[in-house]
Amino acid sequence: MAIQVGDKAPDFELKDNHGATVRLADYRGHKNVVLLFYPFAFTGVCTGELCALRDNLPAFVNDDTQLLAVSNDSIHSLRVFAEQEGLEYPLLSDFWPHGEVSRAYGVFAEDKGCAVRGTFIIDKEGVVRWSVLNDLPDARDLNEYVKALDTL
């Protein structure tokens, strides 16, 4: 079951596409976080979603908000994907232990071996304030993220 609105967001530590360690706790007290889980780099719907975020980046990476995108790909795949698509926000690898953070948020599809499309907006205190889950083939509505961020 996915983490619910009002729940404390599970803390995590993952490597980004450059090998740097990213901790959710590092944003506590400083920034809201848009935590976006996606199945795999280089796939059609995922690429479309992440490029749409890239094209609207000031809404998701600014003085008040940080976007963190998580997949079960290796950091090496994520590095190439980010370079190819011009993605300048952190792509985090939940590769090993495989899907550990995705499972903590309740968005890991055991039968597929990857995360479903789950998005969590976490406030500066570390509380989930908004979330949406979509099946693998269904893209999310970027405008819904903006509306949810506007309420914080």
N, C-alpha and C. Protein backbone atom coordinates (compact mmCIF):
# COMPACT_ATOMS: atom_id res chain seq x y z
N MET A 1 0.84 -1.19 0.00
CA MET A 1 0.00 0.00 0.00
C MET A 1 0.88 1.25 0.00
N ALA A 2 0.52 2.19 -0.81
CA ALA A 2 1.31 3.42 -0.94
C ALA A 2 1.20 4.29 0.31
N ILE A 3 2.22 5.05 0.54
CA ILE A 3 2.22 6.04 1.61
C ILE A 3 1.04 6.99 1.37
N GLN A 4 0.36 7.37 2.43
CA GLN A 4 -0.84 8.20 2.32
C GLN A 4 -0.55 9.67 2.66
N VAL A 5 -1.41 10.54 2.17
CA VAL A 5 -1.35 11.96 2.52
C VAL A 5 -1.49 12.06 4.04
N GLY A 6 -0.62 12.85 4.65
CA GLY A 6 -0.59 13.02 6.09
C GLY A 6 0.46 12.15 6.78
N ASP A 7 0.97 11.14 6.07
CA ASP A 7 2.03 10.28 6.61
C ASP A 7 3.37 10.99 6.57
N LYS A 8 4.23 10.64 7.50
CA LYS A 8 5.63 11.09 7.44
C LYS A 8 6.29 10.34 6.29
N ALA A 9 6.97 11.05 5.43
CA ALA A 9 7.64 10.43 4.28
C ALA A 9 8.82 9.61 4.77
N PRO A 10 8.93 8.35 4.33
CA PRO A 10 10.09 7.55 4.72
C PRO A 10 11.39 8.20 4.23
N ASP A 11 12.34 8.32 5.13
CA ASP A 11 13.63 8.88 4.73
C ASP A 11 14.36 7.87 3.87
N PHE A 12 15.28 8.36 3.05
CA PHE A 12 16.07 7.47 2.21
C PHE A 12 17.38 8.14 1.86
N GLU A 13 18.30 7.31 1.38
CA GLU A 13 19.59 7.76 0.88
C GLU A 13 19.85 6.98 -0.41
N LEU A 14 19.95 7.70 -1.53
CA LEU A 14 20.19 7.08 -2.83
C LEU A 14 21.28 7.83 -3.57
N LYS A 15 21.90 7.17 -4.52
CA LYS A 15 22.88 7.82 -5.39
C LYS A 15 22.16 8.42 -6.59
N ASP A 16 22.63 9.60 -7.01
CA ASP A 16 22.04 10.21 -8.20
C ASP A 16 22.83 9.80 -9.45
N ASN A 17 22.44 10.33 -10.58
CA ASN A 17 23.04 9.96 -11.86
C ASN A 17 24.51 10.38 -11.98
N HIS A 18 25.03 11.12 -11.02
CA HIS A 18 26.44 11.50 -11.00
C HIS A 18 27.20 10.77 -9.89
N GLY A 19 26.50 9.90 -9.17
CA GLY A 19 27.12 9.14 -8.09
C GLY A 19 27.10 9.85 -6.74
N ALA A 20 26.50 11.04 -6.68
CA ALA A 20 26.41 11.77 -5.41
C ALA A 20 25.28 11.20 -4.55
N THR A 21 25.49 11.22 -3.25
CA THR A 21 24.47 10.75 -2.32
C THR A 21 23.42 11.83 -2.10
N VAL A 22 22.16 11.44 -2.21
CA VAL A 22 21.04 12.35 -1.97
C VAL A 22 20.20 11.75 -0.85
N ARG A 23 19.93 12.57 0.17
CA ARG A 23 19.12 12.15 1.31
C ARG A 23 17.88 13.03 1.38
N LEU A 24 16.74 12.41 1.56
CA LEU A 24 15.51 13.20 1.72
C LEU A 24 15.63 14.12 2.92
N ALA A 25 16.25 13.64 3.99
CA ALA A 25 16.39 14.43 5.22
C ALA A 25 17.13 15.74 5.00
N ASP A 26 17.98 15.81 3.98
CA ASP A 26 18.74 17.03 3.72
C ASP A 26 17.83 18.20 3.31
N TYR A 27 16.62 17.91 2.86
CA TYR A 27 15.70 18.97 2.43
C TYR A 27 14.75 19.39 3.55
N ARG A 28 14.70 18.60 4.61
CA ARG A 28 13.79 18.90 5.71
C ARG A 28 14.13 20.26 6.32
N GLY A 29 13.11 21.06 6.47
CA GLY A 29 13.28 22.39 7.03
C GLY A 29 13.69 23.44 6.01
N HIS A 30 13.99 23.01 4.76
CA HIS A 30 14.48 23.94 3.75
C HIS A 30 13.62 24.00 2.49
N LYS A 31 13.22 22.82 2.00
CA LYS A 31 12.49 22.78 0.72
C LYS A 31 11.39 21.73 0.74
N ASN A 32 10.34 22.01 0.00
CA ASN A 32 9.35 20.99 -0.32
C ASN A 32 9.99 20.08 -1.36
N VAL A 33 9.58 18.83 -1.42
CA VAL A 33 10.14 17.88 -2.37
C VAL A 33 9.03 17.27 -3.21
N VAL A 34 9.23 17.28 -4.52
CA VAL A 34 8.39 16.51 -5.43
C VAL A 34 9.16 15.22 -5.70
N LEU A 35 8.68 14.13 -5.12
CA LEU A 35 9.33 12.83 -5.25
C LEU A 35 8.55 12.01 -6.27
N LEU A 36 9.18 11.77 -7.39
CA LEU A 36 8.52 11.13 -8.53
C LEU A 36 9.18 9.79 -8.82
N PHE A 37 8.40 8.72 -8.74
CA PHE A 37 8.88 7.40 -9.10
C PHE A 37 8.42 7.10 -10.52
N TYR A 38 9.32 6.54 -11.32
CA TYR A 38 8.97 6.16 -12.69
C TYR A 38 9.60 4.81 -12.99
N PRO A 39 8.99 4.02 -13.90
CA PRO A 39 9.46 2.65 -14.12
C PRO A 39 10.89 2.54 -14.65
N PHE A 40 11.16 3.06 -15.83
CA PHE A 40 12.48 2.87 -16.43
C PHE A 40 12.87 4.02 -17.34
N ALA A 41 14.16 4.35 -17.32
CA ALA A 41 14.71 5.32 -18.26
C ALA A 41 14.60 4.76 -19.68
N PHE A 42 14.59 5.64 -20.63
CA PHE A 42 14.60 5.31 -22.06
C PHE A 42 13.28 4.74 -22.58
N THR A 43 12.24 4.70 -21.78
CA THR A 43 10.95 4.22 -22.26
C THR A 43 10.08 5.41 -22.64
N GLY A 44 9.13 5.19 -23.52
CA GLY A 44 8.35 6.28 -24.11
C GLY A 44 7.64 7.18 -23.12
N VAL A 45 6.78 6.61 -22.28
CA VAL A 45 5.99 7.43 -21.36
C VAL A 45 6.90 8.10 -20.33
N CYS A 46 7.88 7.36 -19.82
CA CYS A 46 8.80 7.94 -18.83
C CYS A 46 9.59 9.11 -19.43
N THR A 47 10.10 8.92 -20.62
CA THR A 47 10.85 9.99 -21.27
C THR A 47 9.97 11.21 -21.47
N GLY A 48 8.74 10.99 -21.91
CA GLY A 48 7.82 12.11 -22.09
C GLY A 48 7.55 12.87 -20.80
N GLU A 49 7.31 12.13 -19.72
CA GLU A 49 7.05 12.78 -18.43
C GLU A 49 8.26 13.56 -17.94
N LEU A 50 9.44 12.94 -17.99
CA LEU A 50 10.64 13.60 -17.47
C LEU A 50 11.05 14.79 -18.32
N CYS A 51 10.82 14.72 -19.63
CA CYS A 51 11.12 15.87 -20.49
C CYS A 51 10.12 17.00 -20.26
N ALA A 52 8.87 16.67 -19.97
CA ALA A 52 7.88 17.71 -19.64
C ALA A 52 8.30 18.44 -18.36
N LEU A 53 8.81 17.70 -17.38
CA LEU A 53 9.33 18.34 -16.17
C LEU A 53 10.52 19.22 -16.51
N ARG A 54 11.41 18.72 -17.35
CA ARG A 54 12.57 19.51 -17.80
C ARG A 54 12.12 20.82 -18.42
N ASP A 55 11.08 20.77 -19.25
CA ASP A 55 10.60 21.95 -19.96
C ASP A 55 9.87 22.94 -19.05
N ASN A 56 9.51 22.50 -17.85
CA ASN A 56 8.83 23.36 -16.88
C ASN A 56 9.60 23.39 -15.56
N LEU A 57 10.90 23.25 -15.64
CA LEU A 57 11.74 23.06 -14.46
C LEU A 57 11.63 24.15 -13.40
N PRO A 58 11.49 25.44 -13.74
CA PRO A 58 11.40 26.45 -12.68
C PRO A 58 10.25 26.24 -11.70
N ALA A 59 9.22 25.53 -12.11
CA ALA A 59 8.11 25.24 -11.20
C ALA A 59 8.47 24.16 -10.19
N PHE A 60 9.51 23.37 -10.49
CA PHE A 60 9.83 22.20 -9.68
C PHE A 60 11.21 22.22 -9.04
N VAL A 61 12.07 23.11 -9.49
CA VAL A 61 13.38 23.28 -8.87
C VAL A 61 13.58 24.78 -8.70
N ASN A 62 13.46 25.22 -7.44
CA ASN A 62 13.58 26.65 -7.14
C ASN A 62 13.96 26.81 -5.66
N ASP A 63 13.87 28.01 -5.15
CA ASP A 63 14.27 28.25 -3.76
C ASP A 63 13.41 27.50 -2.76
N ASP A 64 12.19 27.12 -3.16
CA ASP A 64 11.23 26.51 -2.25
C ASP A 64 10.99 25.02 -2.49
N THR A 65 11.39 24.52 -3.67
CA THR A 65 11.03 23.16 -4.09
C THR A 65 12.19 22.45 -4.77
N GLN A 66 12.29 21.14 -4.54
CA GLN A 66 13.27 20.30 -5.23
C GLN A 66 12.58 19.09 -5.81
N LEU A 67 12.84 18.82 -7.07
CA LEU A 67 12.35 17.64 -7.77
C LEU A 67 13.38 16.52 -7.65
N LEU A 68 12.92 15.32 -7.24
CA LEU A 68 13.76 14.14 -7.19
C LEU A 68 13.03 13.03 -7.94
N ALA A 69 13.63 12.51 -8.99
CA ALA A 69 13.01 11.46 -9.80
C ALA A 69 13.74 10.14 -9.52
N VAL A 70 12.99 9.09 -9.21
CA VAL A 70 13.55 7.81 -8.78
C VAL A 70 13.11 6.70 -9.72
N SER A 71 14.08 5.89 -10.16
CA SER A 71 13.75 4.67 -10.90
C SER A 71 14.63 3.54 -10.39
N ASN A 72 14.37 2.35 -10.87
CA ASN A 72 15.13 1.18 -10.45
C ASN A 72 16.30 0.90 -11.39
N ASP A 73 16.64 1.87 -12.24
CA ASP A 73 17.79 1.76 -13.14
C ASP A 73 19.09 2.00 -12.38
N SER A 74 20.20 1.57 -12.96
CA SER A 74 21.51 1.83 -12.37
C SER A 74 21.89 3.30 -12.57
N ILE A 75 22.84 3.79 -11.77
CA ILE A 75 23.28 5.18 -11.93
C ILE A 75 23.90 5.39 -13.30
N HIS A 76 24.51 4.37 -13.86
CA HIS A 76 25.16 4.50 -15.16
C HIS A 76 24.12 4.72 -16.26
N SER A 77 23.05 3.96 -16.22
CA SER A 77 21.95 4.16 -17.19
C SER A 77 21.35 5.54 -17.02
N LEU A 78 21.15 5.95 -15.78
CA LEU A 78 20.54 7.25 -15.51
C LEU A 78 21.43 8.40 -16.00
N ARG A 79 22.73 8.23 -15.87
CA ARG A 79 23.65 9.28 -16.34
C ARG A 79 23.52 9.47 -17.85
N VAL A 80 23.51 8.39 -18.60
CA VAL A 80 23.37 8.47 -20.05
C VAL A 80 22.00 9.03 -20.43
N PHE A 81 20.97 8.57 -19.75
CA PHE A 81 19.61 9.05 -20.01
C PHE A 81 19.51 10.56 -19.79
N ALA A 82 20.05 11.03 -18.66
CA ALA A 82 20.00 12.47 -18.36
C ALA A 82 20.76 13.28 -19.40
N GLU A 83 21.92 12.80 -19.80
CA GLU A 83 22.71 13.50 -20.82
C GLU A 83 21.97 13.53 -22.15
N GLN A 84 21.41 12.41 -22.53
CA GLN A 84 20.70 12.31 -23.82
C GLN A 84 19.49 13.24 -23.86
N GLU A 85 18.77 13.35 -22.76
CA GLU A 85 17.53 14.13 -22.73
C GLU A 85 17.71 15.54 -22.16
N GLY A 86 18.90 15.89 -21.72
CA GLY A 86 19.14 17.22 -21.15
C GLY A 86 18.42 17.42 -19.82
N LEU A 87 18.38 16.39 -18.99
CA LEU A 87 17.71 16.47 -17.69
C LEU A 87 18.70 16.98 -16.66
N GLU A 88 18.39 18.11 -16.06
CA GLU A 88 19.32 18.76 -15.15
C GLU A 88 18.84 18.74 -13.70
N TYR A 89 18.06 17.76 -13.37
CA TYR A 89 17.63 17.56 -11.99
C TYR A 89 18.04 16.13 -11.59
N PRO A 90 18.09 15.85 -10.30
CA PRO A 90 18.60 14.55 -9.86
C PRO A 90 17.71 13.38 -10.30
N LEU A 91 18.35 12.40 -10.94
CA LEU A 91 17.73 11.11 -11.22
C LEU A 91 18.35 10.13 -10.23
N LEU A 92 17.55 9.59 -9.35
CA LEU A 92 18.05 8.74 -8.28
C LEU A 92 17.87 7.27 -8.61
N SER A 93 18.88 6.49 -8.26
CA SER A 93 18.89 5.06 -8.56
C SER A 93 18.46 4.24 -7.34
N ASP A 94 17.34 3.56 -7.49
CA ASP A 94 16.83 2.63 -6.47
C ASP A 94 17.14 1.20 -6.94
N PHE A 95 18.35 1.05 -7.49
CA PHE A 95 18.76 -0.20 -8.12
C PHE A 95 19.12 -1.29 -7.12
N TRP A 96 19.90 -0.90 -6.07
CA TRP A 96 20.31 -1.92 -5.12
C TRP A 96 20.40 -1.35 -3.72
N PRO A 97 19.84 -1.99 -2.72
CA PRO A 97 19.00 -3.17 -2.86
C PRO A 97 17.79 -2.84 -3.74
N HIS A 98 17.53 -3.71 -4.68
CA HIS A 98 16.57 -3.44 -5.76
C HIS A 98 15.20 -3.05 -5.22
N GLY A 99 14.82 -1.80 -5.50
CA GLY A 99 13.50 -1.31 -5.17
C GLY A 99 13.23 -1.04 -3.70
N GLU A 100 14.26 -0.93 -2.91
CA GLU A 100 14.07 -0.74 -1.46
C GLU A 100 13.26 0.52 -1.14
N VAL A 101 13.59 1.64 -1.77
CA VAL A 101 12.87 2.88 -1.49
C VAL A 101 11.48 2.83 -2.13
N SER A 102 11.39 2.28 -3.33
CA SER A 102 10.08 2.13 -3.98
C SER A 102 9.14 1.29 -3.11
N ARG A 103 9.66 0.26 -2.50
CA ARG A 103 8.85 -0.58 -1.59
C ARG A 103 8.44 0.22 -0.36
N ALA A 104 9.35 1.02 0.18
CA ALA A 104 9.03 1.82 1.37
C ALA A 104 7.89 2.79 1.11
N TYR A 105 7.78 3.25 -0.13
CA TYR A 105 6.70 4.17 -0.50
C TYR A 105 5.48 3.43 -1.05
N GLY A 106 5.58 2.11 -1.15
CA GLY A 106 4.44 1.30 -1.59
C GLY A 106 4.15 1.38 -3.07
N VAL A 107 5.18 1.67 -3.88
CA VAL A 107 4.96 1.83 -5.33
C VAL A 107 5.74 0.81 -6.16
N PHE A 108 6.32 -0.20 -5.52
CA PHE A 108 7.08 -1.20 -6.27
C PHE A 108 6.15 -2.30 -6.75
N ALA A 109 6.14 -2.57 -8.04
CA ALA A 109 5.33 -3.64 -8.62
C ALA A 109 6.19 -4.90 -8.67
N GLU A 110 5.96 -5.80 -7.74
CA GLU A 110 6.76 -7.02 -7.63
C GLU A 110 6.74 -7.82 -8.93
N ASP A 111 5.57 -7.89 -9.58
CA ASP A 111 5.44 -8.69 -10.79
C ASP A 111 6.16 -8.08 -11.99
N LYS A 112 6.46 -6.78 -11.94
CA LYS A 112 7.15 -6.10 -13.03
C LYS A 112 8.62 -5.82 -12.71
N GLY A 113 8.96 -5.83 -11.42
CA GLY A 113 10.33 -5.56 -11.02
C GLY A 113 10.71 -4.09 -11.09
N CYS A 114 9.71 -3.21 -11.02
CA CYS A 114 9.98 -1.77 -11.11
C CYS A 114 8.91 -1.00 -10.35
N ALA A 115 9.14 0.27 -10.20
CA ALA A 115 8.17 1.15 -9.56
C ALA A 115 7.06 1.51 -10.54
N VAL A 116 5.85 1.68 -10.02
CA VAL A 116 4.78 2.25 -10.83
C VAL A 116 4.95 3.76 -10.80
N ARG A 117 4.10 4.47 -11.49
CA ARG A 117 4.19 5.93 -11.55
C ARG A 117 3.55 6.55 -10.31
N GLY A 118 4.37 6.75 -9.30
CA GLY A 118 3.90 7.35 -8.06
C GLY A 118 4.58 8.69 -7.84
N THR A 119 3.80 9.68 -7.43
CA THR A 119 4.36 11.00 -7.12
C THR A 119 3.89 11.41 -5.74
N PHE A 120 4.82 11.93 -4.95
CA PHE A 120 4.53 12.37 -3.60
C PHE A 120 5.08 13.78 -3.43
N ILE A 121 4.23 14.69 -2.98
CA ILE A 121 4.70 16.03 -2.64
C ILE A 121 4.85 16.06 -1.13
N ILE A 122 6.08 16.33 -0.71
CA ILE A 122 6.47 16.28 0.70
C ILE A 122 6.80 17.70 1.14
N ASP A 123 6.18 18.13 2.24
CA ASP A 123 6.43 19.49 2.70
C ASP A 123 7.75 19.59 3.45
N LYS A 124 8.07 20.79 3.88
CA LYS A 124 9.36 21.05 4.52
C LYS A 124 9.54 20.32 5.84
N GLU A 125 8.43 19.87 6.42
CA GLU A 125 8.50 19.12 7.67
C GLU A 125 8.61 17.61 7.42
N GLY A 126 8.57 17.21 6.16
CA GLY A 126 8.70 15.80 5.83
C GLY A 126 7.40 15.03 5.78
N VAL A 127 6.28 15.75 5.67
CA VAL A 127 4.96 15.13 5.64
C VAL A 127 4.44 15.11 4.20
N VAL A 128 3.87 13.98 3.80
CA VAL A 128 3.29 13.87 2.46
C VAL A 128 2.01 14.70 2.43
N ARG A 129 1.94 15.66 1.53
CA ARG A 129 0.79 16.56 1.42
C ARG A 129 -0.08 16.29 0.21
N TRP A 130 0.44 15.52 -0.76
CA TRP A 130 -0.32 15.19 -1.97
C TRP A 130 0.35 13.99 -2.61
N SER A 131 -0.45 13.14 -3.25
CA SER A 131 0.13 12.00 -3.97
C SER A 131 -0.80 11.56 -5.09
N VAL A 132 -0.21 10.88 -6.05
CA VAL A 132 -0.97 10.27 -7.15
C VAL A 132 -0.22 9.02 -7.58
N LEU A 133 -0.98 7.99 -7.94
CA LEU A 133 -0.40 6.76 -8.47
C LEU A 133 -1.07 6.43 -9.79
N ASN A 134 -0.25 6.14 -10.78
CA ASN A 134 -0.75 5.75 -12.09
C ASN A 134 -0.14 4.40 -12.46
N ASP A 135 -0.88 3.63 -13.24
CA ASP A 135 -0.35 2.38 -13.75
C ASP A 135 0.77 2.68 -14.74
N LEU A 136 1.54 1.65 -15.07
CA LEU A 136 2.70 1.81 -15.94
C LEU A 136 2.42 2.55 -17.25
N PRO A 137 1.36 2.24 -17.97
CA PRO A 137 1.18 2.90 -19.27
C PRO A 137 0.58 4.31 -19.20
N ASP A 138 0.16 4.75 -18.00
CA ASP A 138 -0.59 6.00 -17.88
C ASP A 138 0.27 7.15 -17.38
N ALA A 139 0.47 8.14 -18.23
CA ALA A 139 1.25 9.33 -17.85
C ALA A 139 0.49 10.16 -16.82
N ARG A 140 1.23 10.88 -16.01
CA ARG A 140 0.65 11.76 -15.00
C ARG A 140 0.43 13.15 -15.57
N ASP A 141 -0.44 13.91 -14.94
CA ASP A 141 -0.75 15.28 -15.35
C ASP A 141 0.14 16.25 -14.58
N LEU A 142 1.09 16.83 -15.27
CA LEU A 142 2.04 17.76 -14.68
C LEU A 142 1.36 18.94 -13.99
N ASN A 143 0.24 19.40 -14.54
CA ASN A 143 -0.46 20.55 -13.96
C ASN A 143 -0.98 20.25 -12.57
N GLU A 144 -1.26 18.99 -12.28
CA GLU A 144 -1.72 18.62 -10.94
C GLU A 144 -0.62 18.84 -9.90
N TYR A 145 0.63 18.60 -10.28
CA TYR A 145 1.75 18.84 -9.36
C TYR A 145 1.82 20.32 -9.01
N VAL A 146 1.69 21.16 -10.04
CA VAL A 146 1.79 22.61 -9.83
C VAL A 146 0.68 23.07 -8.90
N LYS A 147 -0.53 22.60 -9.11
CA LYS A 147 -1.66 22.97 -8.25
C LYS A 147 -1.39 22.53 -6.79
N ALA A 148 -0.88 21.33 -6.63
CA ALA A 148 -0.60 20.83 -5.28
C ALA A 148 0.50 21.65 -4.61
N LEU A 149 1.54 22.00 -5.34
CA LEU A 149 2.62 22.83 -4.78
C LEU A 149 2.11 24.20 -4.37
N ASP A 150 1.17 24.74 -5.13
CA ASP A 150 0.62 26.06 -4.82
C ASP A 150 -0.12 26.09 -3.49
N THR A 151 -0.52 24.92 -2.99
CA THR A 151 -1.26 24.89 -1.71
C THR A 151 -0.32 24.88 -0.51
N LEU A 152 0.97 24.69 -0.74
CA LEU A 152 1.91 24.63 0.40
C LEU A 152 2.38 26.01 0.81
